[in-house]
């Protein structure tokens, strides 16, 4: 989901594998959930291993990593409140295959229910979000911006690239930066 402050967080994941995929999307800033959240349209990828699918060219790093995690299909439905996009509900499969018409309909109904539930909770985060402060990524990006003398968007891109290279989530890296256990330098490219 996307908080009012613009921070992307994973509100819930059904298991470790789903959490890993969500963390990967958040760290890379790419993937079907990110695309659905940004566009407000459903993103259906019935075979993440299909090299002919031009959609996958948008997320080269994500696709390579997620297939390595054993995920072969992804379906993301935007979480909408009127015209506001507040995130995405993403489903994964370990086998490739398209959703049936009934499954697509259930996906939209589920996404609407999740969006309404999140709206009712306001700024309160659903249980299970974790112990990380959702504002730490913004705070860390500001610190990196000053440290490296780069615009904020470049600071965030460097944080994402560094987190991916180090095999951690952007949230974990941000927490280390904010707590002054990690400092990015020009070598972190």
Protein backbone atom coordinates (compact mmCIF):
# COMPACT_ATOMS: atom_id res chain seq x y z
CA UNK A 1 0.00 0.00 0.00
CA UNK A 2 1.00 3.64 -0.33
CA UNK A 3 0.58 5.74 2.80
CA UNK A 4 -0.67 9.34 2.70
CA UNK A 5 2.93 10.46 2.93
CA UNK A 6 3.72 8.52 -0.27
CA UNK A 7 5.68 5.72 1.40
CA UNK A 8 5.23 2.24 -0.10
CA UNK A 9 4.86 -0.50 2.49
CA UNK A 10 3.78 -4.10 2.50
CA UNK A 11 0.66 -4.23 4.62
CA UNK A 12 0.41 -8.02 4.60
CA UNK A 13 1.99 -11.06 2.98
CA UNK A 14 0.55 -14.54 3.23
CA UNK A 15 3.89 -16.32 3.61
CA UNK A 16 7.66 -15.90 3.44
CA UNK A 17 7.76 -16.34 -0.34
CA UNK A 18 5.13 -13.64 -0.92
CA UNK A 19 6.94 -11.33 1.55
CA UNK A 20 10.19 -11.87 -0.39
CA UNK A 21 8.51 -10.92 -3.68
CA UNK A 22 6.89 -7.83 -2.14
CA UNK A 23 10.19 -6.77 -0.58
CA UNK A 24 11.85 -7.23 -3.98
CA UNK A 25 9.26 -5.01 -5.72
CA UNK A 26 9.65 -2.35 -3.03
CA UNK A 27 13.44 -2.50 -3.17
CA UNK A 28 13.65 -2.37 -6.97
CA UNK A 29 10.71 -0.05 -7.52
CA UNK A 30 9.49 -2.33 -10.30
CA UNK A 31 7.09 -5.23 -10.78
CA UNK A 32 3.40 -5.90 -11.35
CA UNK A 33 2.27 -4.55 -7.96
CA UNK A 34 4.18 -1.31 -8.49
CA UNK A 35 2.77 -0.99 -12.01
CA UNK A 36 -0.82 -1.64 -10.87
CA UNK A 37 -0.49 0.84 -8.02
CA UNK A 38 0.95 3.55 -10.28
CA UNK A 39 -1.41 3.02 -13.24
CA UNK A 40 -4.66 2.11 -11.52
CA UNK A 41 -5.05 -0.81 -13.95
CA UNK A 42 -4.79 -4.54 -13.28
CA UNK A 43 -1.52 -6.14 -14.38
CA UNK A 44 -1.77 -9.79 -15.42
CA UNK A 45 1.39 -11.81 -16.05
CA UNK A 46 0.42 -15.47 -16.58
CA UNK A 47 4.00 -16.60 -17.29
CA UNK A 48 6.94 -14.73 -15.81
CA UNK A 49 9.27 -16.99 -17.77
CA UNK A 50 7.79 -16.14 -21.19
CA UNK A 51 10.61 -14.28 -22.96
CA UNK A 52 8.18 -13.19 -25.71
CA UNK A 53 6.00 -11.21 -23.28
CA UNK A 54 6.98 -7.57 -23.88
CA UNK A 55 5.49 -6.56 -20.51
CA UNK A 56 8.38 -8.30 -18.79
CA UNK A 57 10.93 -6.02 -20.49
CA UNK A 58 9.84 -3.27 -18.06
CA UNK A 59 11.06 -5.29 -15.05
CA UNK A 60 14.19 -7.20 -16.09
CA UNK A 61 15.75 -7.45 -12.64
CA UNK A 62 12.47 -8.24 -10.90
CA UNK A 63 11.62 -11.03 -13.35
CA UNK A 64 15.01 -12.72 -13.05
CA UNK A 65 14.89 -12.65 -9.26
CA UNK A 66 11.26 -13.68 -8.81
CA UNK A 67 11.53 -16.66 -11.16
CA UNK A 68 14.54 -17.69 -9.07
CA UNK A 69 12.25 -17.62 -6.01
CA UNK A 70 9.92 -20.09 -7.73
CA UNK A 71 7.17 -17.66 -8.74
CA UNK A 72 5.90 -18.21 -12.28
CA UNK A 73 2.79 -15.99 -12.52
CA UNK A 74 1.69 -12.70 -10.95
CA UNK A 75 -1.60 -10.82 -10.97
CA UNK A 76 -1.86 -7.35 -9.44
CA UNK A 77 -5.10 -5.46 -8.85
CA UNK A 78 -4.94 -1.77 -7.91
CA UNK A 79 -6.41 -0.70 -4.60
CA UNK A 80 -8.72 2.15 -5.55
CA UNK A 81 -10.76 4.59 -3.50
CA UNK A 82 -12.65 6.53 -6.12
CA UNK A 83 -9.89 7.93 -8.31
CA UNK A 84 -7.21 7.57 -5.62
CA UNK A 85 -4.72 4.73 -5.94
CA UNK A 86 -3.59 3.50 -2.53
CA UNK A 87 -1.64 0.39 -3.49
CA UNK A 88 -2.10 -3.01 -5.06
CA UNK A 89 -3.24 -6.49 -4.11
CA UNK A 90 -0.94 -8.99 -5.80
CA UNK A 91 -1.43 -12.72 -6.18
CA UNK A 92 1.32 -15.15 -7.15
CA UNK A 93 1.43 -18.67 -8.55
CA UNK A 94 4.24 -21.21 -8.62
CA UNK A 95 2.89 -22.57 -11.91
CA UNK A 96 2.32 -20.44 -15.02
CA UNK A 97 -1.24 -19.91 -16.18
CA UNK A 98 -3.85 -17.25 -16.79
CA UNK A 99 -6.68 -16.45 -14.41
CA UNK A 100 -10.19 -17.49 -15.33
CA UNK A 101 -12.90 -14.85 -15.75
CA UNK A 102 -14.27 -15.82 -12.35
CA UNK A 103 -10.83 -15.52 -10.71
CA UNK A 104 -10.35 -12.07 -12.23
CA UNK A 105 -13.75 -11.03 -10.89
CA UNK A 106 -12.81 -12.34 -7.43
CA UNK A 107 -9.52 -10.44 -7.65
CA UNK A 108 -11.33 -7.16 -8.24
CA UNK A 109 -13.82 -7.84 -5.43
CA UNK A 110 -10.96 -8.71 -3.07
CA UNK A 111 -9.02 -5.58 -4.05
CA UNK A 112 -12.09 -3.42 -3.40
CA UNK A 113 -12.60 -5.04 0.02
CA UNK A 114 -8.95 -4.53 0.97
CA UNK A 115 -9.03 -0.88 -0.18
CA UNK A 116 -12.14 -0.20 1.93
CA UNK A 117 -10.61 -1.92 4.95
CA UNK A 118 -7.42 0.13 4.66
CA UNK A 119 -9.45 3.33 4.23
CA UNK A 120 -11.42 2.59 7.40
CA UNK A 121 -8.16 2.22 9.32
CA UNK A 122 -6.90 5.62 8.16
CA UNK A 123 -3.19 6.11 8.88
CA UNK A 124 -3.14 3.10 11.23
CA UNK A 125 -1.19 0.28 9.64
CA UNK A 126 -2.64 -3.22 9.51
CA UNK A 127 -1.16 -5.69 11.98
CA UNK A 128 1.81 -7.58 10.64
CA UNK A 129 3.39 -4.62 8.85
CA UNK A 130 6.51 -5.05 10.92
CA UNK A 131 8.63 -2.99 13.21
CA UNK A 132 10.21 -0.70 10.60
CA UNK A 133 9.20 2.94 10.55
CA UNK A 134 7.58 3.61 7.17
CA UNK A 135 9.05 7.13 7.15
CA UNK A 136 12.62 5.87 7.50
CA UNK A 137 13.04 5.49 3.72
CA UNK A 138 12.19 9.17 3.21
CA UNK A 139 14.41 10.24 6.08
CA UNK A 140 17.29 8.08 4.81
CA UNK A 141 16.88 9.38 1.25
CA UNK A 142 17.18 12.92 2.60
CA UNK A 143 20.35 11.97 4.46
CA UNK A 144 21.84 10.34 1.33
CA UNK A 145 20.88 13.40 -0.72
CA UNK A 146 22.94 15.61 1.60
CA UNK A 147 25.81 13.11 1.93
CA UNK A 148 26.25 12.70 -1.83
CA UNK A 149 25.04 16.09 -3.01
CA UNK A 150 22.48 14.56 -5.40
CA UNK A 151 18.76 15.21 -5.99
CA UNK A 152 16.32 13.20 -3.85
CA UNK A 153 15.24 10.92 -6.73
CA UNK A 154 18.87 9.94 -7.35
CA UNK A 155 19.39 9.34 -3.63
CA UNK A 156 16.44 6.95 -3.59
CA UNK A 157 17.67 5.17 -6.74
CA UNK A 158 21.09 4.70 -5.15
CA UNK A 159 19.49 3.35 -2.01
CA UNK A 160 17.46 0.85 -4.05
CA UNK A 161 20.50 -0.27 -6.05
CA UNK A 162 22.63 -0.59 -2.92
CA UNK A 163 19.96 -2.52 -1.05
CA UNK A 164 19.56 -4.93 -3.96
CA UNK A 165 23.32 -5.38 -4.32
CA UNK A 166 23.63 -6.10 -0.60
CA UNK A 167 20.72 -8.56 -0.60
CA UNK A 168 18.58 -6.55 1.77
CA UNK A 169 15.37 -4.58 1.48
CA UNK A 170 15.34 -0.84 1.00
CA UNK A 171 13.60 -0.60 4.39
CA UNK A 172 16.49 -2.42 6.10
CA UNK A 173 19.08 -0.21 4.41
CA UNK A 174 17.09 2.92 5.30
CA UNK A 175 16.91 1.86 8.93
CA UNK A 176 20.70 1.35 9.00
CA UNK A 177 21.26 4.79 7.41
CA UNK A 178 18.90 6.54 9.83
CA UNK A 179 20.54 4.80 12.80
CA UNK A 180 23.94 5.82 11.36
CA UNK A 181 25.16 2.24 11.01
CA UNK A 182 25.52 2.66 7.23
CA UNK A 183 26.56 5.58 5.08
CA UNK A 184 26.38 5.62 1.28
CA UNK A 185 29.38 6.91 -0.62
CA UNK A 186 30.28 7.54 -4.25
CA UNK A 187 31.37 3.88 -4.48
CA UNK A 188 27.76 2.76 -3.83
CA UNK A 189 26.65 2.99 -7.44
